[in-house]
Amino acid sequence: EGGHWALKDNLVTSTLVHQGGKRLSALAWLCAVA
């Protein structure tokens, strides 16, 4: 990544996978509860 964490705040890794993935998992769990 060039001697630094270039993907730390990347749209895919940070927004889509990290934030979006966490919300998707939580939503799936709430659906299971329902």
PDB file of all heavy atoms in Angstrom:
ATOM      1  N   GLU A   1       0.820  -1.216   0.000  1.00  0.00           N
ATOM      2  CA  GLU A   1       0.000   0.000   0.000  1.00  0.00           C
ATOM      3  C   GLU A   1       0.854   1.267   0.000  1.00  0.00           C
ATOM      4  O   GLU A   1       0.328   2.375   0.204  1.00  0.00           O
ATOM      5  CB  GLU A   1      -0.963  -0.024   1.193  1.00  0.00           C
ATOM      6  CG  GLU A   1      -2.005  -1.128   1.099  1.00  0.00           C
ATOM      7  CD  GLU A   1      -2.984  -1.132   2.258  1.00  0.00           C
ATOM      8  OE1 GLU A   1      -3.337  -0.037   2.740  1.00  0.00           O
ATOM      9  OE2 GLU A   1      -3.388  -2.232   2.693  1.00  0.00           O
ATOM     10  N   GLY A   2       2.157   1.100  -0.186  1.00  0.00           N
ATOM     11  CA  GLY A   2       3.027   2.267  -0.316  1.00  0.00           C
ATOM     12  C   GLY A   2       3.664   2.746   0.962  1.00  0.00           C
ATOM     13  O   GLY A   2       4.063   3.916   1.051  1.00  0.00           O
ATOM     14  N   GLY A   3       3.781   1.878   1.971  1.00  0.00           N
ATOM     15  CA  GLY A   3       4.393   2.285   3.233  1.00  0.00           C
ATOM     16  C   GLY A   3       3.450   3.063   4.133  1.00  0.00           C
ATOM     17  O   GLY A   3       3.890   3.755   5.060  1.00  0.00           O
ATOM     18  N   HIS A   4       2.179   2.974   3.867  1.00  0.00           N
ATOM     19  CA  HIS A   4       1.155   3.552   4.749  1.00  0.00           C
ATOM     20  C   HIS A   4      -0.151   2.796   4.466  1.00  0.00           C
ATOM     21  O   HIS A   4      -0.268   2.087   3.472  1.00  0.00           O
ATOM     22  CB  HIS A   4       0.981   5.058   4.491  1.00  0.00           C
ATOM     23  CG  HIS A   4       0.439   5.379   3.134  1.00  0.00           C
ATOM     24  ND1 HIS A   4       1.193   5.265   1.976  1.00  0.00           N
ATOM     25  CD2 HIS A   4      -0.786   5.810   2.739  1.00  0.00           C
ATOM     26  CE1 HIS A   4       0.456   5.611   0.934  1.00  0.00           C
ATOM     27  NE2 HIS A   4      -0.749   5.937   1.365  1.00  0.00           N
ATOM     28  N   TRP A   5      -1.107   2.942   5.374  1.00  0.00           N
ATOM     29  CA  TRP A   5      -2.363   2.207   5.209  1.00  0.00           C
ATOM     30  C   TRP A   5      -3.279   3.004   4.268  1.00  0.00           C
ATOM     31  O   TRP A   5      -4.179   3.708   4.694  1.00  0.00           O
ATOM     32  CB  TRP A   5      -3.021   1.954   6.561  1.00  0.00           C
ATOM     33  CG  TRP A   5      -2.197   1.096   7.460  1.00  0.00           C
ATOM     34  CD1 TRP A   5      -1.543   1.476   8.597  1.00  0.00           C
ATOM     35  CD2 TRP A   5      -1.909  -0.293   7.277  1.00  0.00           C
ATOM     36  NE1 TRP A   5      -0.859   0.423   9.134  1.00  0.00           N
ATOM     37  CE2 TRP A   5      -1.070  -0.688   8.343  1.00  0.00           C
ATOM     38  CE3 TRP A   5      -2.267  -1.243   6.319  1.00  0.00           C
ATOM     39  CZ2 TRP A   5      -0.594  -1.989   8.478  1.00  0.00           C
ATOM     40  CZ3 TRP A   5      -1.786  -2.536   6.446  1.00  0.00           C
ATOM     41  CH2 TRP A   5      -0.971  -2.903   7.516  1.00  0.00           C
ATOM     42  N   ALA A   6      -3.020   2.861   2.976  1.00  0.00           N
ATOM     43  CA  ALA A   6      -3.748   3.633   1.969  1.00  0.00           C
ATOM     44  C   ALA A   6      -5.240   3.302   1.940  1.00  0.00           C
ATOM     45  O   ALA A   6      -6.054   4.124   1.505  1.00  0.00           O
ATOM     46  CB  ALA A   6      -3.139   3.387   0.584  1.00  0.00           C
ATOM     47  N   LEU A   7      -5.600   2.103   2.395  1.00  0.00           N
ATOM     48  CA  LEU A   7      -7.006   1.672   2.349  1.00  0.00           C
ATOM     49  C   LEU A   7      -7.729   1.881   3.675  1.00  0.00           C
ATOM     50  O   LEU A   7      -8.860   1.426   3.831  1.00  0.00           O
ATOM     51  CB  LEU A   7      -7.076   0.197   1.962  1.00  0.00           C
ATOM     52  CG  LEU A   7      -6.509  -0.148   0.577  1.00  0.00           C
ATOM     53  CD1 LEU A   7      -6.597  -1.646   0.316  1.00  0.00           C
ATOM     54  CD2 LEU A   7      -7.230   0.616  -0.514  1.00  0.00           C
ATOM     55  N   LYS A   8      -7.080   2.586   4.603  1.00  0.00           N
ATOM     56  CA  LYS A   8      -7.688   2.778   5.919  1.00  0.00           C
ATOM     57  C   LYS A   8      -9.035   3.486   5.826  1.00  0.00           C
ATOM     58  O   LYS A   8      -9.997   3.104   6.510  1.00  0.00           O
ATOM     59  CB  LYS A   8      -6.736   3.575   6.813  1.00  0.00           C
ATOM     60  CG  LYS A   8      -7.248   3.794   8.229  1.00  0.00           C
ATOM     61  CD  LYS A   8      -6.220   4.509   9.087  1.00  0.00           C
ATOM     62  CE  LYS A   8      -6.730   4.691  10.516  1.00  0.00           C
ATOM     63  NZ  LYS A   8      -5.713   5.371  11.369  1.00  0.00           N
ATOM     64  N   ASP A   9      -9.121   4.525   5.017  1.00  0.00           N
ATOM     65  CA  ASP A   9     -10.361   5.299   4.877  1.00  0.00           C
ATOM     66  C   ASP A   9     -10.952   5.166   3.470  1.00  0.00           C
ATOM     67  O   ASP A   9     -11.697   6.035   3.027  1.00  0.00           O
ATOM     68  CB  ASP A   9     -10.091   6.777   5.190  1.00  0.00           C
ATOM     69  CG  ASP A   9      -9.604   6.971   6.622  1.00  0.00           C
ATOM     70  OD1 ASP A   9     -10.216   6.400   7.531  1.00  0.00           O
ATOM     71  OD2 ASP A   9      -8.590   7.685   6.812  1.00  0.00           O
ATOM     72  N   ASN A  10     -10.628   4.054   2.824  1.00  0.00           N
ATOM     73  CA  ASN A  10     -11.115   3.818   1.470  1.00  0.00           C
ATOM     74  C   ASN A  10     -12.628   3.595   1.467  1.00  0.00           C
ATOM     75  O   ASN A  10     -13.201   3.060   2.417  1.00  0.00           O
ATOM     76  CB  ASN A  10     -10.383   2.601   0.894  1.00  0.00           C
ATOM     77  CG  ASN A  10     -10.814   2.278  -0.519  1.00  0.00           C
ATOM     78  OD1 ASN A  10     -11.715   1.484  -0.718  1.00  0.00           O
ATOM     79  ND2 ASN A  10     -10.170   2.899  -1.498  1.00  0.00           N
ATOM     80  N   LEU A  11     -13.261   3.998   0.368  1.00  0.00           N
ATOM     81  CA  LEU A  11     -14.721   3.871   0.266  1.00  0.00           C
ATOM     82  C   LEU A  11     -15.172   2.425   0.409  1.00  0.00           C
ATOM     83  O   LEU A  11     -16.155   2.133   1.099  1.00  0.00           O
ATOM     84  CB  LEU A  11     -15.191   4.434  -1.086  1.00  0.00           C
ATOM     85  CG  LEU A  11     -16.684   4.264  -1.406  1.00  0.00           C
ATOM     86  CD1 LEU A  11     -17.523   5.072  -0.434  1.00  0.00           C
ATOM     87  CD2 LEU A  11     -16.963   4.689  -2.845  1.00  0.00           C
ATOM     88  N   VAL A  12     -14.450   1.487  -0.210  1.00  0.00           N
ATOM     89  CA  VAL A  12     -14.860   0.083  -0.181  1.00  0.00           C
ATOM     90  C   VAL A  12     -14.582  -0.538   1.183  1.00  0.00           C
ATOM     91  O   VAL A  12     -15.472  -1.123   1.806  1.00  0.00           O
ATOM     92  CB  VAL A  12     -14.156  -0.714  -1.297  1.00  0.00           C
ATOM     93  CG1 VAL A  12     -14.475  -2.202  -1.167  1.00  0.00           C
ATOM     94  CG2 VAL A  12     -14.581  -0.207  -2.662  1.00  0.00           C
ATOM     95  N   THR A  13     -13.339  -0.432   1.650  1.00  0.00           N
ATOM     96  CA  THR A  13     -12.964  -1.105   2.895  1.00  0.00           C
ATOM     97  C   THR A  13     -13.580  -0.460   4.134  1.00  0.00           C
ATOM     98  O   THR A  13     -14.011  -1.152   5.048  1.00  0.00           O
ATOM     99  CB  THR A  13     -11.442  -1.131   3.055  1.00  0.00           C
ATOM    100  OG1 THR A  13     -10.937   0.222   2.994  1.00  0.00           O
ATOM    101  CG2 THR A  13     -10.795  -1.969   1.969  1.00  0.00           C
ATOM    102  N   SER A  14     -13.628   0.862   4.160  1.00  0.00           N
ATOM    103  CA  SER A  14     -14.124   1.556   5.353  1.00  0.00           C
ATOM    104  C   SER A  14     -15.632   1.746   5.339  1.00  0.00           C
ATOM    105  O   SER A  14     -16.320   1.395   6.308  1.00  0.00           O
ATOM    106  CB  SER A  14     -13.433   2.920   5.475  1.00  0.00           C
ATOM    107  OG  SER A  14     -13.912   3.614   6.614  1.00  0.00           O
ATOM    108  N   THR A  15     -16.161   2.270   4.243  1.00  0.00           N
ATOM    109  CA  THR A  15     -17.596   2.596   4.205  1.00  0.00           C
ATOM    110  C   THR A  15     -18.457   1.390   3.855  1.00  0.00           C
ATOM    111  O   THR A  15     -19.393   1.048   4.584  1.00  0.00           O
ATOM    112  CB  THR A  15     -17.855   3.723   3.187  1.00  0.00           C
ATOM    113  OG1 THR A  15     -17.048   4.864   3.516  1.00  0.00           O
ATOM    114  CG2 THR A  15     -19.324   4.124   3.204  1.00  0.00           C
ATOM    115  N   LEU A  16     -18.121   0.737   2.745  1.00  0.00           N
ATOM    116  CA  LEU A  16     -18.964  -0.360   2.258  1.00  0.00           C
ATOM    117  C   LEU A  16     -18.846  -1.603   3.130  1.00  0.00           C
ATOM    118  O   LEU A  16     -19.852  -2.124   3.625  1.00  0.00           O
ATOM    119  CB  LEU A  16     -18.611  -0.679   0.812  1.00  0.00           C
ATOM    120  CG  LEU A  16     -19.429  -1.780   0.141  1.00  0.00           C
ATOM    121  CD1 LEU A  16     -20.899  -1.384   0.089  1.00  0.00           C
ATOM    122  CD2 LEU A  16     -18.911  -2.063  -1.270  1.00  0.00           C
ATOM    123  N   VAL A  17     -17.609  -2.098   3.327  1.00  0.00           N
ATOM    124  CA  VAL A  17     -17.436  -3.362   4.042  1.00  0.00           C
ATOM    125  C   VAL A  17     -17.510  -3.177   5.556  1.00  0.00           C
ATOM    126  O   VAL A  17     -18.204  -3.936   6.246  1.00  0.00           O
ATOM    127  CB  VAL A  17     -16.098  -4.026   3.651  1.00  0.00           C
ATOM    128  CG1 VAL A  17     -15.913  -5.328   4.410  1.00  0.00           C
ATOM    129  CG2 VAL A  17     -16.055  -4.281   2.151  1.00  0.00           C
ATOM    130  N   HIS A  18     -16.801  -2.181   6.083  1.00  0.00           N
ATOM    131  CA  HIS A  18     -16.771  -2.023   7.535  1.00  0.00           C
ATOM    132  C   HIS A  18     -18.100  -1.519   8.086  1.00  0.00           C
ATOM    133  O   HIS A  18     -18.760  -2.190   8.886  1.00  0.00           O
ATOM    134  CB  HIS A  18     -15.632  -1.077   7.932  1.00  0.00           C
ATOM    135  CG  HIS A  18     -15.457  -0.956   9.406  1.00  0.00           C
ATOM    136  ND1 HIS A  18     -15.388   0.262  10.066  1.00  0.00           N
ATOM    137  CD2 HIS A  18     -15.339  -1.902  10.368  1.00  0.00           C
ATOM    138  CE1 HIS A  18     -15.242   0.051  11.360  1.00  0.00           C
ATOM    139  NE2 HIS A  18     -15.212  -1.248  11.578  1.00  0.00           N
ATOM    140  N   GLN A  19     -18.510  -0.340   7.652  1.00  0.00           N
ATOM    141  CA  GLN A  19     -19.747   0.225   8.179  1.00  0.00           C
ATOM    142  C   GLN A  19     -20.984  -0.480   7.619  1.00  0.00           C
ATOM    143  O   GLN A  19     -21.890  -0.853   8.372  1.00  0.00           O
ATOM    144  CB  GLN A  19     -19.803   1.721   7.866  1.00  0.00           C
ATOM    145  CG  GLN A  19     -18.671   2.522   8.491  1.00  0.00           C
ATOM    146  CD  GLN A  19     -18.720   3.988   8.106  1.00  0.00           C
ATOM    147  OE1 GLN A  19     -19.756   4.526   7.715  1.00  0.00           O
ATOM    148  NE2 GLN A  19     -17.586   4.666   8.208  1.00  0.00           N
ATOM    149  N   GLY A  20     -21.006  -0.660   6.294  1.00  0.00           N
ATOM    150  CA  GLY A  20     -22.157  -1.307   5.687  1.00  0.00           C
ATOM    151  C   GLY A  20     -22.313  -2.760   6.094  1.00  0.00           C
ATOM    152  O   GLY A  20     -23.428  -3.231   6.351  1.00  0.00           O
ATOM    153  N   GLY A  21     -21.198  -3.485   6.173  1.00  0.00           N
ATOM    154  CA  GLY A  21     -21.256  -4.889   6.571  1.00  0.00           C
ATOM    155  C   GLY A  21     -21.768  -5.063   7.990  1.00  0.00           C
ATOM    156  O   GLY A  21     -22.551  -5.974   8.280  1.00  0.00           O
ATOM    157  N   LYS A  22     -21.323  -4.180   8.873  1.00  0.00           N
ATOM    158  CA  LYS A  22     -21.783  -4.253  10.261  1.00  0.00           C
ATOM    159  C   LYS A  22     -23.283  -4.010  10.362  1.00  0.00           C
ATOM    160  O   LYS A  22     -23.997  -4.704  11.098  1.00  0.00           O
ATOM    161  CB  LYS A  22     -21.007  -3.231  11.091  1.00  0.00           C
ATOM    162  CG  LYS A  22     -21.332  -3.212  12.555  1.00  0.00           C
ATOM    163  CD  LYS A  22     -20.273  -2.434  13.342  1.00  0.00           C
ATOM    164  CE  LYS A  22     -20.043  -1.065  12.784  1.00  0.00           C
ATOM    165  NZ  LYS A  22     -19.051  -0.298  13.587  1.00  0.00           N
ATOM    166  N   ARG A  23     -23.768  -3.044   9.597  1.00  0.00           N
ATOM    167  CA  ARG A  23     -25.198  -2.747   9.615  1.00  0.00           C
ATOM    168  C   ARG A  23     -26.011  -3.870   8.987  1.00  0.00           C
ATOM    169  O   ARG A  23     -27.111  -4.187   9.457  1.00  0.00           O
ATOM    170  CB  ARG A  23     -25.453  -1.428   8.880  1.00  0.00           C
ATOM    171  CG  ARG A  23     -24.907  -0.214   9.621  1.00  0.00           C
ATOM    172  CD  ARG A  23     -24.939   1.028   8.765  1.00  0.00           C
ATOM    173  NE  ARG A  23     -24.361   2.174   9.469  1.00  0.00           N
ATOM    174  CZ  ARG A  23     -24.029   3.318   8.896  1.00  0.00           C
ATOM    175  NH1 ARG A  23     -24.245   3.480   7.593  1.00  0.00           N
ATOM    176  NH2 ARG A  23     -23.516   4.294   9.602  1.00  0.00           N
ATOM    177  N   LEU A  24     -25.488  -4.468   7.938  1.00  0.00           N
ATOM    178  CA  LEU A  24     -26.185  -5.578   7.291  1.00  0.00           C
ATOM    179  C   LEU A  24     -26.307  -6.770   8.238  1.00  0.00           C
ATOM    180  O   LEU A  24     -27.362  -7.409   8.314  1.00  0.00           O
ATOM    181  CB  LEU A  24     -25.440  -5.989   6.028  1.00  0.00           C
ATOM    182  CG  LEU A  24     -26.055  -7.146   5.227  1.00  0.00           C
ATOM    183  CD1 LEU A  24     -27.450  -6.780   4.743  1.00  0.00           C
ATOM    184  CD2 LEU A  24     -25.162  -7.510   4.050  1.00  0.00           C
ATOM    185  N   SER A  25     -25.231  -7.068   8.975  1.00  0.00           N
ATOM    186  CA  SER A  25     -25.263  -8.168   9.937  1.00  0.00           C
ATOM    187  C   SER A  25     -26.271  -7.889  11.045  1.00  0.00           C
ATOM    188  O   SER A  25     -27.029  -8.774  11.456  1.00  0.00           O
ATOM    189  CB  SER A  25     -23.877  -8.398  10.525  1.00  0.00           C
ATOM    190  OG  SER A  25     -23.888  -9.456  11.462  1.00  0.00           O
ATOM    191  N   ALA A  26     -26.288  -6.649  11.528  1.00  0.00           N
ATOM    192  CA  ALA A  26     -27.239  -6.281  12.577  1.00  0.00           C
ATOM    193  C   ALA A  26     -28.673  -6.379  12.079  1.00  0.00           C
ATOM    194  O   ALA A  26     -29.572  -6.843  12.796  1.00  0.00           O
ATOM    195  CB  ALA A  26     -26.946  -4.866  13.073  1.00  0.00           C
ATOM    196  N   LEU A  27     -28.900  -5.958  10.827  1.00  0.00           N
ATOM    197  CA  LEU A  27     -30.244  -6.047  10.240  1.00  0.00           C
ATOM    198  C   LEU A  27     -30.677  -7.497  10.091  1.00  0.00           C
ATOM    199  O   LEU A  27     -31.838  -7.847  10.365  1.00  0.00           O
ATOM    200  CB  LEU A  27     -30.251  -5.350   8.883  1.00  0.00           C
ATOM    201  CG  LEU A  27     -31.585  -5.364   8.121  1.00  0.00           C
ATOM    202  CD1 LEU A  27     -32.666  -4.648   8.921  1.00  0.00           C
ATOM    203  CD2 LEU A  27     -31.420  -4.701   6.747  1.00  0.00           C
ATOM    204  N   ALA A  28     -29.751  -8.366   9.664  1.00  0.00           N
ATOM    205  CA  ALA A  28     -30.071  -9.787   9.536  1.00  0.00           C
ATOM    206  C   ALA A  28     -30.431 -10.384  10.889  1.00  0.00           C
ATOM    207  O   ALA A  28     -31.360 -11.200  10.991  1.00  0.00           O
ATOM    208  CB  ALA A  28     -28.887 -10.534   8.923  1.00  0.00           C
ATOM    209  N   TRP A  29     -29.721  -9.968  11.935  1.00  0.00           N
ATOM    210  CA  TRP A  29     -30.024 -10.477  13.276  1.00  0.00           C
ATOM    211  C   TRP A  29     -31.404 -10.006  13.733  1.00  0.00           C
ATOM    212  O   TRP A  29     -32.170 -10.777  14.317  1.00  0.00           O
ATOM    213  CB  TRP A  29     -28.953 -10.020  14.264  1.00  0.00           C
ATOM    214  CG  TRP A  29     -29.151 -10.580  15.640  1.00  0.00           C
ATOM    215  CD1 TRP A  29     -28.836 -11.845  16.070  1.00  0.00           C
ATOM    216  CD2 TRP A  29     -29.737  -9.910  16.759  1.00  0.00           C
ATOM    217  NE1 TRP A  29     -29.182 -11.995  17.395  1.00  0.00           N
ATOM    218  CE2 TRP A  29     -29.741 -10.828  17.849  1.00  0.00           C
ATOM    219  CE3 TRP A  29     -30.242  -8.636  16.965  1.00  0.00           C
ATOM    220  CZ2 TRP A  29     -30.229 -10.493  19.105  1.00  0.00           C
ATOM    221  CZ3 TRP A  29     -30.741  -8.298  18.218  1.00  0.00           C
ATOM    222  CH2 TRP A  29     -30.731  -9.219  19.267  1.00  0.00           C
ATOM    223  N   LEU A  30     -31.741  -8.747  13.462  1.00  0.00           N
ATOM    224  CA  LEU A  30     -33.055  -8.232  13.841  1.00  0.00           C
ATOM    225  C   LEU A  30     -34.164  -8.971  13.093  1.00  0.00           C
ATOM    226  O   LEU A  30     -35.241  -9.218  13.654  1.00  0.00           O
ATOM    227  CB  LEU A  30     -33.129  -6.733  13.566  1.00  0.00           C
ATOM    228  CG  LEU A  30     -32.295  -5.839  14.491  1.00  0.00           C
ATOM    229  CD1 LEU A  30     -32.362  -4.387  14.028  1.00  0.00           C
ATOM    230  CD2 LEU A  30     -32.764  -5.955  15.940  1.00  0.00           C
ATOM    231  N   CYS A  31     -33.896  -9.322  11.847  1.00  0.00           N
ATOM    232  CA  CYS A  31     -34.872 -10.113  11.085  1.00  0.00           C
ATOM    233  C   CYS A  31     -35.060 -11.491  11.714  1.00  0.00           C
ATOM    234  O   CYS A  31     -36.190 -12.003  11.787  1.00  0.00           O
ATOM    235  CB  CYS A  31     -34.420 -10.259   9.639  1.00  0.00           C
ATOM    236  SG  CYS A  31     -34.533  -8.746   8.666  1.00  0.00           S
ATOM    237  N   ALA A  32     -33.960 -12.087  12.188  1.00  0.00           N
ATOM    238  CA  ALA A  32     -34.051 -13.387  12.856  1.00  0.00           C
ATOM    239  C   ALA A  32     -34.844 -13.270  14.152  1.00  0.00           C
ATOM    240  O   ALA A  32     -35.636 -14.158  14.504  1.00  0.00           O
ATOM    241  CB  ALA A  32     -32.650 -13.933  13.132  1.00  0.00           C
ATOM    242  N   VAL A  33     -34.652 -12.170  14.880  1.00  0.00           N
ATOM    243  CA  VAL A  33     -35.420 -11.935  16.106  1.00  0.00           C
ATOM    244  C   VAL A  33     -36.903 -11.809  15.782  1.00  0.00           C
ATOM    245  O   VAL A  33     -37.762 -12.378  16.477  1.00  0.00           O
ATOM    246  CB  VAL A  33     -34.911 -10.666  16.831  1.00  0.00           C
ATOM    247  CG1 VAL A  33     -35.841 -10.294  17.982  1.00  0.00           C
ATOM    248  CG2 VAL A  33     -33.496 -10.878  17.354  1.00  0.00           C
ATOM    249  N   ALA A  34     -37.212 -11.048  14.730  1.00  0.00           N
ATOM    250  CA  ALA A  34     -38.614 -10.871  14.333  1.00  0.00           C
ATOM    251  C   ALA A  34     -39.245 -12.203  13.938  1.00  0.00           C
ATOM    252  O   ALA A  34     -40.387 -12.505  14.315  1.00  0.00           O
ATOM    253  CB  ALA A  34     -38.701  -9.875  13.182  1.00  0.00           C
TER     254      ALA A  34
END
